[in-house]
Amino acid sequence: MEWPTAADYRRRLRTFAVVRKFAYFNEKNESYRMRSFCKKKVEGCKWYAYARQLPRQPTWKLRGLYPEHTYTWDPDKPNPIANSRWVADMLEPLIKRHRKVFKPKEIITEMWDQYRTEIKYCVT
């Protein structure tokens, strides 16, 4: 899998984590590579993703992935990965289509309907 920029890769990884209901952290990243691990790595979860920038190109490519999880986020708790920037990115097409301003409660409901994830009021 390839992405045109590092920001696109990060956005896709965050959406993947929210949809699959887990939290991750990045470890020892440089400007040309990103390594992400499950937050429950210390408890034995082996999930990881490794992406690297292609030489002399802005394109990023997934080089390594261990897709199996032994941990999922409790759906009744807010997912820490679903931050305000991610919520804004996910709602942007909806706001453009309907041309209206959503209230925080409507945003929380929309995120639950689309992604089955609970978000905090302050994130909206």
C-alpha atoms as a PDB file:
ATOM      1  CA  MET A   1       0.000   0.000   0.000  1.00  0.00           C
ATOM      2  CA  GLU A   2       1.219   3.491  -0.833  1.00  0.00           C
ATOM      3  CA  TRP A   3       0.236   7.026   0.158  1.00  0.00           C
ATOM      4  CA  PRO A   4       1.206  10.294  -1.571  1.00  0.00           C
ATOM      5  CA  THR A   5       2.448  11.998   1.629  1.00  0.00           C
ATOM      6  CA  ALA A   6       3.301  11.248   5.249  1.00  0.00           C
ATOM      7  CA  ALA A   7       0.191  13.147   6.374  1.00  0.00           C
ATOM      8  CA  ASP A   8      -2.005  10.876   4.244  1.00  0.00           C
ATOM      9  CA  TYR A   9      -0.380   7.811   5.787  1.00  0.00           C
ATOM     10  CA  ARG A  10      -0.900   9.136   9.326  1.00  0.00           C
ATOM     11  CA  ARG A  11      -4.530   9.994   8.579  1.00  0.00           C
ATOM     12  CA  ARG A  12      -5.209   6.533   7.154  1.00  0.00           C
ATOM     13  CA  LEU A  13      -3.492   4.804  10.076  1.00  0.00           C
ATOM     14  CA  ARG A  14      -5.540   6.815  12.585  1.00  0.00           C
ATOM     15  CA  THR A  15      -8.796   5.970  10.765  1.00  0.00           C
ATOM     16  CA  PHE A  16      -7.785   2.297  10.663  1.00  0.00           C
ATOM     17  CA  ALA A  17      -7.147   2.337  14.418  1.00  0.00           C
ATOM     18  CA  VAL A  18     -10.469   4.027  15.184  1.00  0.00           C
ATOM     19  CA  VAL A  19     -12.432   1.607  12.984  1.00  0.00           C
ATOM     20  CA  ARG A  20     -10.610  -1.450  14.406  1.00  0.00           C
ATOM     21  CA  LYS A  21     -11.015  -0.069  17.950  1.00  0.00           C
ATOM     22  CA  PHE A  22      -7.463   0.054  19.229  1.00  0.00           C
ATOM     23  CA  ALA A  23      -4.927   2.668  20.253  1.00  0.00           C
ATOM     24  CA  TYR A  24      -1.343   2.870  19.013  1.00  0.00           C
ATOM     25  CA  PHE A  25       1.822   4.831  19.651  1.00  0.00           C
ATOM     26  CA  ASN A  26       4.719   5.807  17.387  1.00  0.00           C
ATOM     27  CA  GLU A  27       8.231   4.866  18.369  1.00  0.00           C
ATOM     28  CA  LYS A  28      11.547   6.282  17.154  1.00  0.00           C
ATOM     29  CA  ASN A  29      10.229   7.967  14.028  1.00  0.00           C
ATOM     30  CA  GLU A  30      12.413   9.914  11.648  1.00  0.00           C
ATOM     31  CA  SER A  31      11.454  12.135   8.738  1.00  0.00           C
ATOM     32  CA  TYR A  32      11.686   9.135   6.374  1.00  0.00           C
ATOM     33  CA  ARG A  33      10.149   6.298   8.460  1.00  0.00           C
ATOM     34  CA  MET A  34       7.344   5.649  10.934  1.00  0.00           C
ATOM     35  CA  ARG A  35       6.970   2.724  13.296  1.00  0.00           C
ATOM     36  CA  SER A  36       3.672   2.252  15.122  1.00  0.00           C
ATOM     37  CA  PHE A  37       2.849  -0.280  17.836  1.00  0.00           C
ATOM     38  CA  CYS A  38      -0.292  -1.216  19.767  1.00  0.00           C
ATOM     39  CA  LYS A  39      -0.566   0.603  23.103  1.00  0.00           C
ATOM     40  CA  LYS A  40      -0.986  -2.795  24.752  1.00  0.00           C
ATOM     41  CA  LYS A  41       2.393  -3.994  23.468  1.00  0.00           C
ATOM     42  CA  VAL A  42       3.606  -4.485  27.045  1.00  0.00           C
ATOM     43  CA  GLU A  43       0.632  -6.789  27.658  1.00  0.00           C
ATOM     44  CA  GLY A  44       1.569  -8.983  24.710  1.00  0.00           C
ATOM     45  CA  CYS A  45      -0.197  -7.494  21.683  1.00  0.00           C
ATOM     46  CA  LYS A  46       2.102  -7.921  18.674  1.00  0.00           C
ATOM     47  CA  TRP A  47       0.415  -5.522  16.208  1.00  0.00           C
ATOM     48  CA  TYR A  48       2.759  -3.125  14.455  1.00  0.00           C
ATOM     49  CA  ALA A  49       2.960  -1.113  11.238  1.00  0.00           C
ATOM     50  CA  TYR A  50       6.130   0.114   9.564  1.00  0.00           C
ATOM     51  CA  ALA A  51       6.068   2.623   6.708  1.00  0.00           C
ATOM     52  CA  ARG A  52       8.935   4.254   4.892  1.00  0.00           C
ATOM     53  CA  GLN A  53       9.314   7.074   2.399  1.00  0.00           C
ATOM     54  CA  LEU A  54      10.442   5.918  -1.026  1.00  0.00           C
ATOM     55  CA  PRO A  55      13.889   7.223  -2.024  1.00  0.00           C
ATOM     56  CA  ARG A  56      13.825  10.726  -3.547  1.00  0.00           C
ATOM     57  CA  GLN A  57       9.994  10.753  -3.611  1.00  0.00           C
ATOM     58  CA  PRO A  58       7.299  12.103  -1.301  1.00  0.00           C
ATOM     59  CA  THR A  59       5.441   8.766  -1.535  1.00  0.00           C
ATOM     60  CA  TRP A  60       5.181   6.537   1.561  1.00  0.00           C
ATOM     61  CA  LYS A  61       4.937   2.747   1.391  1.00  0.00           C
ATOM     62  CA  LEU A  62       3.881   0.222   4.013  1.00  0.00           C
ATOM     63  CA  ARG A  63       6.877  -2.086   4.506  1.00  0.00           C
ATOM     64  CA  GLY A  64       5.795  -4.174   7.467  1.00  0.00           C
ATOM     65  CA  LEU A  65       2.532  -5.063   9.189  1.00  0.00           C
ATOM     66  CA  TYR A  66       1.555  -7.578  11.833  1.00  0.00           C
ATOM     67  CA  PRO A  67      -2.253  -7.418  11.512  1.00  0.00           C
ATOM     68  CA  GLU A  68      -3.327  -9.581  14.478  1.00  0.00           C
ATOM     69  CA  HIS A  69      -4.581  -7.930  17.670  1.00  0.00           C
ATOM     70  CA  THR A  70      -5.090  -9.437  21.098  1.00  0.00           C
ATOM     71  CA  TYR A  71      -6.599  -6.205  22.386  1.00  0.00           C
ATOM     72  CA  THR A  72      -9.531  -3.974  21.434  1.00  0.00           C
ATOM     73  CA  TRP A  73     -10.652  -0.673  22.878  1.00  0.00           C
ATOM     74  CA  ASP A  74     -13.754  -0.674  25.090  1.00  0.00           C
ATOM     75  CA  PRO A  75     -16.467   0.817  22.816  1.00  0.00           C
ATOM     76  CA  ASP A  76     -18.131   2.557  25.770  1.00  0.00           C
ATOM     77  CA  LYS A  77     -15.001   4.637  26.444  1.00  0.00           C
ATOM     78  CA  PRO A  78     -13.744   7.469  24.217  1.00  0.00           C
ATOM     79  CA  ASN A  79     -10.955   6.330  21.910  1.00  0.00           C
ATOM     80  CA  PRO A  80      -7.833   8.463  22.538  1.00  0.00           C
ATOM     81  CA  ILE A  81      -6.840   8.116  18.874  1.00  0.00           C
ATOM     82  CA  ALA A  82      -9.996   9.966  17.729  1.00  0.00           C
ATOM     83  CA  ASN A  83      -8.717  13.516  18.276  1.00  0.00           C
ATOM     84  CA  SER A  84     -10.228  16.795  17.063  1.00  0.00           C
ATOM     85  CA  ARG A  85      -8.152  16.895  13.868  1.00  0.00           C
ATOM     86  CA  TRP A  86      -9.322  13.393  12.902  1.00  0.00           C
ATOM     87  CA  VAL A  87     -12.961  14.290  13.642  1.00  0.00           C
ATOM     88  CA  ALA A  88     -12.637  17.430  11.487  1.00  0.00           C
ATOM     89  CA  ASP A  89     -11.117  15.434   8.606  1.00  0.00           C
ATOM     90  CA  MET A  90     -13.924  12.875   8.771  1.00  0.00           C
ATOM     91  CA  LEU A  91     -16.690  15.505   8.971  1.00  0.00           C
ATOM     92  CA  GLU A  92     -15.370  17.825   6.265  1.00  0.00           C
ATOM     93  CA  PRO A  93     -17.147  16.076   3.335  1.00  0.00           C
ATOM     94  CA  LEU A  94     -20.389  15.921   5.319  1.00  0.00           C
ATOM     95  CA  ILE A  95     -20.234  19.624   6.182  1.00  0.00           C
ATOM     96  CA  LYS A  96     -19.532  20.534   2.545  1.00  0.00           C
ATOM     97  CA  ARG A  97     -22.412  18.376   1.338  1.00  0.00           C
ATOM     98  CA  HIS A  98     -25.037  19.650   3.811  1.00  0.00           C
ATOM     99  CA  ARG A  99     -23.669  23.206   4.172  1.00  0.00           C
ATOM    100  CA  LYS A 100     -24.564  23.454   7.828  1.00  0.00           C
ATOM    101  CA  VAL A 101     -22.777  23.786  11.145  1.00  0.00           C
ATOM    102  CA  PHE A 102     -23.090  20.744  13.379  1.00  0.00           C
ATOM    103  CA  LYS A 103     -23.617  21.007  17.117  1.00  0.00           C
ATOM    104  CA  PRO A 104     -21.299  18.976  19.373  1.00  0.00           C
ATOM    105  CA  LYS A 105     -24.027  16.451  20.239  1.00  0.00           C
ATOM    106  CA  GLU A 106     -24.715  15.949  16.515  1.00  0.00           C
ATOM    107  CA  ILE A 107     -21.003  15.380  15.884  1.00  0.00           C
ATOM    108  CA  ILE A 108     -20.831  12.787  18.668  1.00  0.00           C
ATOM    109  CA  THR A 109     -23.874  11.017  17.210  1.00  0.00           C
ATOM    110  CA  GLU A 110     -22.446  11.137  13.678  1.00  0.00           C
ATOM    111  CA  MET A 111     -19.108   9.650  14.792  1.00  0.00           C
ATOM    112  CA  TRP A 112     -20.964   6.879  16.616  1.00  0.00           C
ATOM    113  CA  ASP A 113     -23.158   6.148  13.581  1.00  0.00           C
ATOM    114  CA  GLN A 114     -20.283   6.089  11.082  1.00  0.00           C
ATOM    115  CA  TYR A 115     -17.386   4.631  13.081  1.00  0.00           C
ATOM    116  CA  ARG A 116     -18.968   3.164  16.234  1.00  0.00           C
ATOM    117  CA  THR A 117     -16.568   5.132  18.383  1.00  0.00           C
ATOM    118  CA  GLU A 118     -17.306   7.315  21.364  1.00  0.00           C
ATOM    119  CA  ILE A 119     -15.624  10.719  21.382  1.00  0.00           C
ATOM    120  CA  LYS A 120     -15.389  13.276  24.154  1.00  0.00           C
ATOM    121  CA  TYR A 121     -17.461  16.449  24.099  1.00  0.00           C
ATOM    122  CA  CYS A 122     -14.303  18.593  24.202  1.00  0.00           C
ATOM    123  CA  VAL A 123     -12.985  16.846  21.050  1.00  0.00           C
ATOM    124  CA  THR A 124     -15.986  17.994  19.029  1.00  0.00           C
END
